[in-house]
Amino acid sequence: MIFIDTNIIMYAAGKEHKYKNPCLNILKRISDGEIDAVSDSEVLQEILYRYWSIRKLDKGFQVFSDFDKLIPIILRVDRKDLLLARDFLEKYPKIKPRDAIHAAVMLNNKIDTTISTDNDFKQIKEIKRIDPLQI
């Protein structure tokens, strides 16, 4: 299982960027069954929040629905994840809280690899990050 971070769907749905085509390729490979993907409820929240903040909530609803249909398992975030995320923030003070939550959900579900453009994951020694440009 590989954890799919929010930025993969956001780059795939967004404007031209060096990550757009690699992220589209990742989503196609998930759809084709070549990548065994999982994500968490925080990713879905991030999608809604981002599109709400730029006043494009209708597009956000579509991106949300597409991602929800694509990813067979959306893990929930619960108390044990938040407690581990807190520990990660103490251990790795430069990472963002959302990344700490994703890392905690991953490890609490025995997932150690994420596909993400986010370099914060490189700081978390318990997690392996794959850059979409490497796939």
Protein backbone atom coordinates (compact mmCIF):
# COMPACT_ATOMS: atom_id res chain seq x y z
CA MET A 1 0.00 0.00 0.00
CA ILE A 2 1.15 3.50 -0.84
CA PHE A 3 -0.33 6.62 0.75
CA ILE A 4 -1.43 9.27 -1.75
CA ASP A 5 -0.93 12.81 -0.49
CA THR A 6 -3.24 15.72 -1.27
CA ASN A 7 -0.81 17.42 -3.62
CA ILE A 8 -1.00 14.54 -6.11
CA ILE A 9 -4.69 15.16 -6.82
CA MET A 10 -4.28 18.95 -6.62
CA TYR A 11 -1.49 19.04 -9.21
CA ALA A 12 -3.37 16.61 -11.44
CA ALA A 13 -6.50 18.79 -11.31
CA GLY A 14 -4.63 22.08 -11.54
CA LYS A 15 -2.94 24.23 -14.14
CA GLU A 16 0.13 23.30 -16.13
CA HIS A 17 3.05 22.62 -13.83
CA LYS A 18 6.06 20.30 -13.84
CA TYR A 19 4.08 17.96 -11.55
CA LYS A 20 0.80 17.94 -13.49
CA ASN A 21 1.57 15.12 -15.95
CA PRO A 22 3.45 12.93 -13.45
CA CYS A 23 0.52 13.25 -11.03
CA LEU A 24 -1.99 12.44 -13.77
CA ASN A 25 0.12 9.39 -14.59
CA ILE A 26 0.03 8.27 -10.95
CA LEU A 27 -3.76 8.58 -10.85
CA LYS A 28 -4.03 6.59 -14.08
CA ARG A 29 -1.79 3.88 -12.65
CA ILE A 30 -4.00 3.74 -9.55
CA SER A 31 -7.07 3.46 -11.77
CA ASP A 32 -5.42 0.68 -13.78
CA GLY A 33 -4.58 -1.23 -10.59
CA GLU A 34 -0.81 -0.80 -10.96
CA ILE A 35 -0.49 1.18 -7.71
CA ASP A 36 -2.19 -0.12 -4.56
CA ALA A 37 -3.27 3.24 -3.10
CA VAL A 38 -4.72 4.45 0.16
CA SER A 39 -5.35 7.90 1.60
CA ASP A 40 -7.01 9.46 4.64
CA SER A 41 -9.96 11.65 5.50
CA GLU A 42 -7.67 14.62 6.10
CA VAL A 43 -6.75 14.57 2.39
CA LEU A 44 -10.43 14.90 1.45
CA GLN A 45 -10.79 17.77 3.94
CA GLU A 46 -7.73 19.49 2.43
CA ILE A 47 -9.26 19.28 -1.06
CA LEU A 48 -12.49 20.91 0.13
CA TYR A 49 -10.67 23.55 2.13
CA ARG A 50 -8.36 24.53 -0.73
CA TYR A 51 -11.17 24.95 -3.25
CA TRP A 52 -13.35 26.74 -0.68
CA SER A 53 -10.50 29.17 0.04
CA ILE A 54 -10.13 30.09 -3.65
CA ARG A 55 -13.91 30.29 -4.08
CA LYS A 56 -14.11 27.36 -6.49
CA LEU A 57 -16.09 24.98 -4.33
CA ASP A 58 -17.99 23.46 -7.28
CA LYS A 59 -14.67 22.32 -8.76
CA GLY A 60 -13.66 21.17 -5.28
CA PHE A 61 -16.75 18.97 -5.07
CA GLN A 62 -15.82 17.33 -8.38
CA VAL A 63 -12.17 16.80 -7.41
CA PHE A 64 -13.30 15.43 -4.03
CA SER A 65 -15.74 13.00 -5.66
CA ASP A 66 -13.23 11.85 -8.28
CA PHE A 67 -10.56 11.17 -5.64
CA ASP A 68 -13.03 9.44 -3.34
CA LYS A 69 -14.09 7.11 -6.17
CA LEU A 70 -10.50 6.44 -7.25
CA ILE A 71 -8.97 5.54 -3.89
CA PRO A 72 -10.47 2.30 -2.57
CA ILE A 73 -9.53 2.91 1.06
CA ILE A 74 -9.87 6.25 2.84
CA LEU A 75 -8.52 5.86 6.36
CA ARG A 76 -10.05 7.86 9.16
CA VAL A 77 -8.07 10.05 11.53
CA ASP A 78 -8.63 9.17 15.17
CA ARG A 79 -7.22 9.96 18.58
CA LYS A 80 -4.23 7.58 18.37
CA ASP A 81 -3.25 9.26 15.08
CA LEU A 82 -3.45 12.72 16.62
CA LEU A 83 -1.36 11.62 19.61
CA LEU A 84 1.32 10.23 17.30
CA ALA A 85 1.12 13.36 15.12
CA ARG A 86 1.78 15.43 18.22
CA ASP A 87 4.85 13.29 18.93
CA PHE A 88 6.05 13.78 15.35
CA LEU A 89 5.69 17.56 15.69
CA GLU A 90 7.84 17.45 18.80
CA LYS A 91 10.41 15.15 17.19
CA TYR A 92 10.42 16.96 13.81
CA PRO A 93 9.55 20.60 14.63
CA LYS A 94 9.89 21.83 11.03
CA ILE A 95 7.13 19.65 9.57
CA LYS A 96 3.57 20.90 9.10
CA PRO A 97 0.80 19.54 11.34
CA ARG A 98 -1.13 18.07 8.39
CA ASP A 99 1.94 16.11 7.30
CA ALA A 100 2.39 14.88 10.84
CA ILE A 101 -1.23 13.67 10.81
CA HIS A 102 -0.76 11.87 7.48
CA ALA A 103 2.45 10.24 8.73
CA ALA A 104 0.74 9.12 11.93
CA VAL A 105 -2.21 7.64 10.05
CA MET A 106 0.21 5.85 7.75
CA LEU A 107 2.30 4.31 10.50
CA ASN A 108 -0.71 3.38 12.62
CA ASN A 109 -1.98 1.46 9.58
CA LYS A 110 1.40 -0.16 8.79
CA ILE A 111 2.03 1.98 5.69
CA ASP A 112 5.53 3.39 5.34
CA THR A 113 5.54 4.93 1.84
CA THR A 114 3.87 7.99 0.40
CA ILE A 115 3.81 9.55 -3.03
CA SER A 116 4.05 13.27 -2.44
CA THR A 117 5.68 16.43 -3.71
CA ASP A 118 6.06 17.56 -0.10
CA ASN A 119 9.63 17.54 1.16
CA ASP A 120 8.45 17.51 4.80
CA PHE A 121 8.09 13.75 4.51
CA LYS A 122 11.83 13.46 3.90
CA GLN A 123 12.38 14.70 7.47
CA ILE A 124 10.24 11.94 8.98
CA LYS A 125 12.63 9.01 9.22
CA GLU A 126 9.80 6.51 9.67
CA ILE A 127 8.34 7.40 6.24
CA LYS A 128 9.68 6.89 2.73
CA ARG A 129 8.62 9.60 0.28
CA ILE A 130 8.52 9.02 -3.47
CA ASP A 131 8.54 12.16 -5.60
CA PRO A 132 6.08 11.93 -8.54
CA LEU A 133 8.93 12.88 -10.87
CA GLN A 134 10.62 9.57 -9.94
CA ILE A 135 7.70 7.42 -11.09
